[in-house]
Amino acid sequence: MITFSRTLLVGVESLKDGTLRFHGILEDRIYAMEIEMDVKMPEAVIVRIQGWMKRYTTPVCPKAVDVLQKAVGVSLRDKGWIPKLKREIGQKGCQHFAELLVECGRCLDSARMAQALEETLKAQPTSSPFEITQSWVNDHPEVKSSCIARP
């Protein structure tokens, strides 16, 4: 019997100026929190972040919401962005917020590729999704070493 489960949910929307808005939710029986983060493209820089603690264990937890602002200015293309966010947000604020923030960041390229796929299929409904995504990967060298680049 499962006595504990945690859900991380990430959704991404594209704003009119090309900025990507990430919505992240972490929920389990103990904690519940959300973040909303805007990432400016093509630089992949976090330009805005908000957080909400909905369920937590100590009176210190809500103070971590303010620590999220340390993520503003971080590029999700920088080599050390994950350890930096884990250190700045996780150690100085809340490790659960850091986990959620990192998971949102890891979805960046998948969200961009999904957006390109949707736009192309809208214009060319008979196109091959595989060929569209392969073409997108070939046009974006920043994803060459990631799992989405594998055939």
N, C-alpha and C. Protein backbone atom coordinates (compact mmCIF):
# COMPACT_ATOMS: atom_id res chain seq x y z
N MET A 1 0.84 -1.18 0.00
CA MET A 1 0.00 0.00 0.00
C MET A 1 0.88 1.25 0.00
N ILE A 2 0.60 2.15 -0.89
CA ILE A 2 1.36 3.40 -0.95
C ILE A 2 0.91 4.30 0.19
N THR A 3 1.89 4.74 0.97
CA THR A 3 1.56 5.63 2.09
C THR A 3 1.96 7.08 1.82
N PHE A 4 2.69 7.29 0.73
CA PHE A 4 3.11 8.65 0.40
C PHE A 4 3.26 8.75 -1.11
N SER A 5 2.83 9.84 -1.67
CA SER A 5 3.08 10.13 -3.08
C SER A 5 3.21 11.64 -3.24
N ARG A 6 4.02 12.02 -4.19
CA ARG A 6 4.23 13.44 -4.47
C ARG A 6 4.00 13.66 -5.96
N THR A 7 3.30 14.71 -6.27
CA THR A 7 3.03 15.07 -7.65
C THR A 7 3.72 16.39 -7.97
N LEU A 8 4.44 16.39 -9.08
CA LEU A 8 5.00 17.61 -9.64
C LEU A 8 4.34 17.79 -10.99
N LEU A 9 3.73 18.94 -11.20
CA LEU A 9 3.05 19.21 -12.46
C LEU A 9 3.61 20.51 -13.03
N VAL A 10 3.96 20.47 -14.31
CA VAL A 10 4.49 21.66 -14.98
C VAL A 10 3.65 21.93 -16.22
N GLY A 11 3.19 23.16 -16.35
CA GLY A 11 2.50 23.60 -17.55
C GLY A 11 3.20 24.84 -18.07
N VAL A 12 3.18 25.02 -19.39
CA VAL A 12 3.88 26.15 -19.99
C VAL A 12 2.96 26.81 -21.02
N GLU A 13 2.91 28.13 -20.98
CA GLU A 13 2.17 28.87 -22.00
C GLU A 13 3.10 29.89 -22.63
N SER A 14 2.86 30.17 -23.89
CA SER A 14 3.66 31.15 -24.61
C SER A 14 2.92 32.48 -24.62
N LEU A 15 3.58 33.51 -24.12
CA LEU A 15 2.99 34.85 -24.11
C LEU A 15 3.24 35.52 -25.45
N LYS A 16 2.55 36.60 -25.72
CA LYS A 16 2.63 37.27 -27.02
C LYS A 16 4.03 37.75 -27.38
N ASP A 17 4.83 38.12 -26.38
CA ASP A 17 6.17 38.63 -26.67
C ASP A 17 7.21 37.52 -26.78
N GLY A 18 6.77 36.25 -26.79
CA GLY A 18 7.70 35.13 -26.90
C GLY A 18 8.19 34.60 -25.57
N THR A 19 7.86 35.30 -24.50
CA THR A 19 8.21 34.82 -23.16
C THR A 19 7.43 33.55 -22.87
N LEU A 20 8.06 32.61 -22.18
CA LEU A 20 7.37 31.40 -21.76
C LEU A 20 7.00 31.53 -20.29
N ARG A 21 5.75 31.25 -19.98
CA ARG A 21 5.28 31.31 -18.59
C ARG A 21 5.08 29.88 -18.09
N PHE A 22 5.84 29.55 -17.07
CA PHE A 22 5.78 28.23 -16.46
C PHE A 22 4.88 28.27 -15.23
N HIS A 23 4.04 27.27 -15.11
CA HIS A 23 3.22 27.08 -13.91
C HIS A 23 3.66 25.75 -13.31
N GLY A 24 4.14 25.77 -12.10
CA GLY A 24 4.59 24.55 -11.45
C GLY A 24 3.82 24.31 -10.16
N ILE A 25 3.43 23.06 -9.97
CA ILE A 25 2.69 22.68 -8.76
C ILE A 25 3.38 21.47 -8.14
N LEU A 26 3.63 21.55 -6.84
CA LEU A 26 4.13 20.42 -6.07
C LEU A 26 3.10 20.15 -4.98
N GLU A 27 2.68 18.88 -4.90
CA GLU A 27 1.69 18.55 -3.88
C GLU A 27 1.91 17.13 -3.39
N ASP A 28 1.86 16.98 -2.07
CA ASP A 28 1.83 15.68 -1.43
C ASP A 28 0.96 15.82 -0.18
N ARG A 29 0.99 14.85 0.69
CA ARG A 29 0.12 14.92 1.87
C ARG A 29 0.59 15.95 2.88
N ILE A 30 1.85 16.36 2.77
CA ILE A 30 2.42 17.31 3.73
C ILE A 30 2.50 18.72 3.15
N TYR A 31 3.02 18.82 1.93
CA TYR A 31 3.28 20.12 1.32
C TYR A 31 2.41 20.34 0.09
N ALA A 32 2.09 21.60 -0.15
CA ALA A 32 1.45 22.02 -1.40
C ALA A 32 1.96 23.43 -1.70
N MET A 33 2.48 23.62 -2.90
CA MET A 33 3.00 24.92 -3.29
C MET A 33 2.93 25.07 -4.80
N GLU A 34 2.99 26.31 -5.24
CA GLU A 34 2.96 26.63 -6.66
C GLU A 34 3.96 27.72 -6.97
N ILE A 35 4.45 27.69 -8.21
CA ILE A 35 5.23 28.82 -8.71
C ILE A 35 4.71 29.20 -10.08
N GLU A 36 4.91 30.45 -10.42
CA GLU A 36 4.66 30.96 -11.77
C GLU A 36 5.92 31.72 -12.15
N MET A 37 6.51 31.33 -13.27
CA MET A 37 7.82 31.87 -13.64
C MET A 37 7.80 32.24 -15.12
N ASP A 38 8.27 33.45 -15.43
CA ASP A 38 8.40 33.89 -16.81
C ASP A 38 9.85 33.78 -17.24
N VAL A 39 10.06 33.17 -18.41
CA VAL A 39 11.40 32.97 -18.96
C VAL A 39 11.46 33.67 -20.31
N LYS A 40 12.36 34.65 -20.41
CA LYS A 40 12.51 35.42 -21.65
C LYS A 40 13.32 34.59 -22.65
N MET A 41 12.78 34.49 -23.83
CA MET A 41 13.45 33.75 -24.89
C MET A 41 14.00 34.75 -25.91
N PRO A 42 15.09 34.47 -26.60
CA PRO A 42 15.79 33.19 -26.65
C PRO A 42 16.87 33.01 -25.56
N GLU A 43 17.06 34.01 -24.72
CA GLU A 43 18.13 33.95 -23.73
C GLU A 43 17.87 32.93 -22.63
N ALA A 44 16.61 32.54 -22.45
CA ALA A 44 16.19 31.59 -21.40
C ALA A 44 16.50 32.12 -20.00
N VAL A 45 16.29 33.42 -19.82
CA VAL A 45 16.55 34.07 -18.54
C VAL A 45 15.24 34.21 -17.76
N ILE A 46 15.29 33.85 -16.49
CA ILE A 46 14.13 34.02 -15.62
C ILE A 46 13.97 35.51 -15.36
N VAL A 47 12.83 36.07 -15.76
CA VAL A 47 12.61 37.51 -15.59
C VAL A 47 11.57 37.83 -14.53
N ARG A 48 10.79 36.83 -14.13
CA ARG A 48 9.78 37.06 -13.10
C ARG A 48 9.42 35.73 -12.47
N ILE A 49 9.21 35.76 -11.16
CA ILE A 49 8.79 34.54 -10.46
C ILE A 49 7.91 34.91 -9.28
N GLN A 50 6.88 34.13 -9.08
CA GLN A 50 6.00 34.26 -7.91
C GLN A 50 5.82 32.86 -7.32
N GLY A 51 5.57 32.81 -6.04
CA GLY A 51 5.34 31.52 -5.41
C GLY A 51 4.26 31.61 -4.36
N TRP A 52 3.63 30.48 -4.11
CA TRP A 52 2.59 30.40 -3.10
C TRP A 52 2.77 29.13 -2.30
N MET A 53 2.86 29.28 -0.99
CA MET A 53 2.88 28.13 -0.08
C MET A 53 1.43 27.89 0.33
N LYS A 54 0.91 26.74 0.00
CA LYS A 54 -0.48 26.45 0.32
C LYS A 54 -0.62 25.51 1.51
N ARG A 55 0.34 24.62 1.68
CA ARG A 55 0.35 23.73 2.83
C ARG A 55 1.82 23.50 3.20
N TYR A 56 2.14 23.66 4.46
CA TYR A 56 3.54 23.58 4.91
C TYR A 56 3.59 23.13 6.36
N THR A 57 4.82 22.92 6.85
CA THR A 57 4.98 22.30 8.18
C THR A 57 5.40 23.25 9.28
N THR A 58 6.07 24.33 8.93
CA THR A 58 6.57 25.23 9.98
C THR A 58 6.23 26.67 9.64
N PRO A 59 6.24 27.56 10.63
CA PRO A 59 5.97 28.97 10.35
C PRO A 59 7.07 29.64 9.53
N VAL A 60 8.21 28.97 9.39
CA VAL A 60 9.33 29.51 8.61
C VAL A 60 9.09 29.31 7.11
N CYS A 61 8.35 28.27 6.75
CA CYS A 61 8.16 27.91 5.34
C CYS A 61 7.70 29.07 4.45
N PRO A 62 6.69 29.85 4.82
CA PRO A 62 6.23 30.92 3.94
C PRO A 62 7.29 31.98 3.64
N LYS A 63 8.30 32.09 4.49
CA LYS A 63 9.37 33.06 4.24
C LYS A 63 10.17 32.69 3.00
N ALA A 64 10.11 31.43 2.60
CA ALA A 64 10.84 30.98 1.41
C ALA A 64 10.29 31.59 0.13
N VAL A 65 9.07 32.08 0.16
CA VAL A 65 8.48 32.71 -1.03
C VAL A 65 9.35 33.88 -1.48
N ASP A 66 9.83 34.68 -0.54
CA ASP A 66 10.67 35.83 -0.88
C ASP A 66 12.01 35.40 -1.47
N VAL A 67 12.52 34.25 -1.04
CA VAL A 67 13.82 33.76 -1.52
C VAL A 67 13.75 33.41 -3.00
N LEU A 68 12.57 33.10 -3.51
CA LEU A 68 12.42 32.79 -4.94
C LEU A 68 12.96 33.90 -5.83
N GLN A 69 12.97 35.13 -5.36
CA GLN A 69 13.43 36.26 -6.17
C GLN A 69 14.91 36.12 -6.55
N LYS A 70 15.65 35.29 -5.83
CA LYS A 70 17.06 35.06 -6.17
C LYS A 70 17.20 34.35 -7.52
N ALA A 71 16.11 33.76 -8.00
CA ALA A 71 16.15 33.08 -9.30
C ALA A 71 16.06 34.06 -10.47
N VAL A 72 15.55 35.26 -10.23
CA VAL A 72 15.43 36.25 -11.30
C VAL A 72 16.83 36.61 -11.80
N GLY A 73 16.99 36.55 -13.12
CA GLY A 73 18.29 36.84 -13.73
C GLY A 73 19.09 35.60 -14.07
N VAL A 74 18.69 34.45 -13.57
CA VAL A 74 19.40 33.20 -13.87
C VAL A 74 18.99 32.73 -15.26
N SER A 75 19.99 32.33 -16.06
CA SER A 75 19.71 31.78 -17.38
C SER A 75 19.65 30.26 -17.28
N LEU A 76 18.62 29.69 -17.86
CA LEU A 76 18.47 28.24 -17.89
C LEU A 76 19.40 27.62 -18.92
N ARG A 77 20.22 28.42 -19.54
CA ARG A 77 21.25 27.95 -20.47
C ARG A 77 22.64 27.92 -19.82
N ASP A 78 22.79 28.57 -18.67
CA ASP A 78 24.08 28.54 -17.98
C ASP A 78 24.39 27.12 -17.53
N LYS A 79 25.65 26.75 -17.62
CA LYS A 79 26.07 25.39 -17.29
C LYS A 79 25.67 24.98 -15.87
N GLY A 80 25.82 25.83 -14.90
CA GLY A 80 25.56 25.47 -13.51
C GLY A 80 24.24 25.95 -12.95
N TRP A 81 23.23 26.11 -13.80
CA TRP A 81 21.97 26.69 -13.31
C TRP A 81 21.27 25.80 -12.28
N ILE A 82 21.35 24.49 -12.42
CA ILE A 82 20.66 23.62 -11.47
C ILE A 82 21.30 23.69 -10.08
N PRO A 83 22.63 23.48 -9.96
CA PRO A 83 23.21 23.60 -8.61
C PRO A 83 23.05 25.00 -8.02
N LYS A 84 23.07 26.02 -8.88
CA LYS A 84 22.90 27.38 -8.38
C LYS A 84 21.52 27.56 -7.75
N LEU A 85 20.48 27.10 -8.44
CA LEU A 85 19.13 27.24 -7.90
C LEU A 85 18.92 26.37 -6.66
N LYS A 86 19.51 25.19 -6.66
CA LYS A 86 19.39 24.33 -5.47
C LYS A 86 20.07 24.98 -4.27
N ARG A 87 21.18 25.66 -4.52
CA ARG A 87 21.91 26.34 -3.44
C ARG A 87 21.17 27.60 -3.00
N GLU A 88 20.83 28.46 -3.96
CA GLU A 88 20.24 29.76 -3.64
C GLU A 88 18.78 29.67 -3.17
N ILE A 89 18.02 28.77 -3.76
CA ILE A 89 16.61 28.64 -3.40
C ILE A 89 16.42 27.51 -2.37
N GLY A 90 17.04 26.38 -2.63
CA GLY A 90 16.85 25.22 -1.77
C GLY A 90 17.47 25.35 -0.39
N GLN A 91 18.73 25.76 -0.35
CA GLN A 91 19.42 25.86 0.95
C GLN A 91 19.03 27.11 1.72
N LYS A 92 18.76 28.19 1.00
CA LYS A 92 18.46 29.45 1.68
C LYS A 92 16.96 29.70 1.83
N GLY A 93 16.16 28.86 1.19
CA GLY A 93 14.71 29.06 1.25
C GLY A 93 13.97 27.77 1.51
N CYS A 94 13.70 27.02 0.44
CA CYS A 94 12.90 25.79 0.56
C CYS A 94 13.33 24.80 -0.52
N GLN A 95 13.75 23.61 -0.10
CA GLN A 95 14.20 22.62 -1.08
C GLN A 95 13.07 22.19 -2.00
N HIS A 96 11.83 22.24 -1.53
CA HIS A 96 10.71 21.85 -2.37
C HIS A 96 10.46 22.88 -3.47
N PHE A 97 10.58 24.16 -3.14
CA PHE A 97 10.51 25.20 -4.16
C PHE A 97 11.63 25.00 -5.18
N ALA A 98 12.83 24.69 -4.70
CA ALA A 98 13.97 24.48 -5.60
C ALA A 98 13.71 23.31 -6.54
N GLU A 99 13.19 22.22 -6.02
CA GLU A 99 12.87 21.06 -6.86
C GLU A 99 11.85 21.42 -7.93
N LEU A 100 10.85 22.17 -7.55
CA LEU A 100 9.81 22.58 -8.48
C LEU A 100 10.36 23.52 -9.54
N LEU A 101 11.18 24.44 -9.13
CA LEU A 101 11.81 25.39 -10.05
C LEU A 101 12.70 24.67 -11.05
N VAL A 102 13.51 23.73 -10.57
CA VAL A 102 14.39 22.96 -11.46
C VAL A 102 13.56 22.14 -12.44
N GLU A 103 12.50 21.53 -11.98
CA GLU A 103 11.66 20.73 -12.88
C GLU A 103 11.04 21.61 -13.96
N CYS A 104 10.61 22.81 -13.61
CA CYS A 104 10.10 23.75 -14.62
C CYS A 104 11.20 24.05 -15.65
N GLY A 105 12.39 24.33 -15.17
CA GLY A 105 13.50 24.64 -16.07
C GLY A 105 13.85 23.49 -16.99
N ARG A 106 13.77 22.28 -16.48
CA ARG A 106 14.06 21.10 -17.31
C ARG A 106 13.04 20.93 -18.43
N CYS A 107 11.88 21.52 -18.30
CA CYS A 107 10.83 21.41 -19.32
C CYS A 107 10.97 22.47 -20.42
N LEU A 108 11.95 23.34 -20.31
CA LEU A 108 12.09 24.45 -21.26
C LEU A 108 12.12 23.98 -22.71
N ASP A 109 13.04 23.09 -23.05
CA ASP A 109 13.19 22.71 -24.45
C ASP A 109 12.04 21.85 -24.95
N SER A 110 11.51 21.01 -24.09
CA SER A 110 10.33 20.22 -24.49
C SER A 110 9.15 21.14 -24.80
N ALA A 111 8.99 22.18 -24.00
CA ALA A 111 7.91 23.15 -24.23
C ALA A 111 8.13 23.90 -25.54
N ARG A 112 9.36 24.28 -25.79
CA ARG A 112 9.66 25.00 -27.04
C ARG A 112 9.41 24.11 -28.25
N MET A 113 9.83 22.85 -28.16
CA MET A 113 9.63 21.93 -29.27
C MET A 113 8.14 21.64 -29.46
N ALA A 114 7.39 21.48 -28.39
CA ALA A 114 5.95 21.24 -28.50
C ALA A 114 5.25 22.43 -29.15
N GLN A 115 5.71 23.63 -28.81
CA GLN A 115 5.14 24.84 -29.40
C GLN A 115 5.40 24.86 -30.91
N ALA A 116 6.62 24.54 -31.32
CA ALA A 116 6.96 24.51 -32.74
C ALA A 116 6.15 23.43 -33.47
N LEU A 117 5.99 22.29 -32.83
CA LEU A 117 5.20 21.21 -33.42
C LEU A 117 3.75 21.65 -33.63
N GLU A 118 3.17 22.25 -32.62
CA GLU A 118 1.78 22.71 -32.72
C GLU A 118 1.62 23.75 -33.83
N GLU A 119 2.53 24.71 -33.89
CA GLU A 119 2.44 25.76 -34.91
C GLU A 119 2.58 25.19 -36.31
N THR A 120 3.51 24.26 -36.50
CA THR A 120 3.72 23.67 -37.82
C THR A 120 2.52 22.81 -38.23
N LEU A 121 2.01 22.02 -37.31
CA LEU A 121 0.86 21.17 -37.65
C LEU A 121 -0.39 21.99 -37.94
N LYS A 122 -0.50 23.15 -37.32
CA LYS A 122 -1.64 24.04 -37.61
C LYS A 122 -1.56 24.53 -39.05
N ALA A 123 -0.35 24.89 -39.48
CA ALA A 123 -0.15 25.40 -40.84
C ALA A 123 -0.09 24.28 -41.87
N GLN A 124 0.44 23.12 -41.46
CA GLN A 124 0.62 21.99 -42.38
C GLN A 124 0.14 20.70 -41.70
N PRO A 125 -1.17 20.48 -41.64
CA PRO A 125 -1.73 19.37 -40.86
C PRO A 125 -1.26 17.98 -41.27
N THR A 126 -0.79 17.81 -42.49
CA THR A 126 -0.37 16.47 -42.92
C THR A 126 1.11 16.22 -42.69
N SER A 127 1.81 17.16 -42.12
CA SER A 127 3.24 16.99 -41.85
C SER A 127 3.48 15.89 -40.83
N SER A 128 4.65 15.31 -40.90
CA SER A 128 5.04 14.25 -39.97
C SER A 128 5.55 14.87 -38.66
N PRO A 129 4.92 14.55 -37.52
CA PRO A 129 5.41 15.07 -36.24
C PRO A 129 6.87 14.70 -35.99
N PHE A 130 7.26 13.49 -36.37
CA PHE A 130 8.65 13.07 -36.19
C PHE A 130 9.60 13.97 -36.98
N GLU A 131 9.27 14.22 -38.25
CA GLU A 131 10.13 15.07 -39.08
C GLU A 131 10.17 16.51 -38.56
N ILE A 132 9.05 17.00 -38.08
CA ILE A 132 9.00 18.37 -37.53
C ILE A 132 9.92 18.48 -36.31
N THR A 133 9.81 17.51 -35.41
CA THR A 133 10.63 17.59 -34.19
C THR A 133 12.10 17.37 -34.50
N GLN A 134 12.42 16.48 -35.45
CA GLN A 134 13.82 16.28 -35.83
C GLN A 134 14.39 17.54 -36.46
N SER A 135 13.61 18.20 -37.28
CA SER A 135 14.04 19.46 -37.89
C SER A 135 14.27 20.52 -36.82
N TRP A 136 13.36 20.57 -35.84
CA TRP A 136 13.51 21.54 -34.76
C TRP A 136 14.81 21.29 -33.99
N VAL A 137 15.08 20.03 -33.68
CA VAL A 137 16.32 19.68 -32.96
C VAL A 137 17.54 20.10 -33.78
N ASN A 138 17.51 19.83 -35.08
CA ASN A 138 18.65 20.20 -35.94
C ASN A 138 18.87 21.71 -35.98
N ASP A 139 17.80 22.48 -35.84
CA ASP A 139 17.90 23.94 -35.87
C ASP A 139 18.24 24.56 -34.51
N HIS A 140 18.32 23.74 -33.46
CA HIS A 140 18.57 24.24 -32.10
C HIS A 140 19.73 23.48 -31.47
N PRO A 141 20.95 23.94 -31.74
CA PRO A 141 22.13 23.22 -31.23
C PRO A 141 22.19 23.13 -29.71
N GLU A 142 21.49 24.01 -29.00
CA GLU A 142 21.52 23.97 -27.54
C GLU A 142 20.88 22.70 -26.97
N VAL A 143 20.13 21.95 -27.77
CA VAL A 143 19.49 20.74 -27.27
C VAL A 143 20.18 19.45 -27.73
N LYS A 144 21.27 19.57 -28.47
CA LYS A 144 21.92 18.40 -29.06
C LYS A 144 22.30 17.33 -28.04
N SER A 145 22.66 17.72 -26.83
CA SER A 145 23.10 16.73 -25.84
C SER A 145 21.96 16.26 -24.93
N SER A 146 20.74 16.71 -25.19
CA SER A 146 19.62 16.32 -24.32
C SER A 146 18.89 15.11 -24.89
N CYS A 147 18.06 14.52 -24.07
CA CYS A 147 17.33 13.32 -24.50
C CYS A 147 16.35 13.61 -25.63
N ILE A 148 15.85 14.83 -25.75
CA ILE A 148 14.89 15.10 -26.83
C ILE A 148 15.56 15.10 -28.20
N ALA A 149 16.90 15.12 -28.23
CA ALA A 149 17.62 15.10 -29.50
C ALA A 149 17.85 13.67 -30.01
N ARG A 150 17.55 12.69 -29.18
CA ARG A 150 17.76 11.30 -29.60
C ARG A 150 16.62 10.86 -30.51
N PRO A 151 16.97 10.16 -31.60
CA PRO A 151 15.92 9.69 -32.52
C PRO A 151 15.07 8.59 -31.90
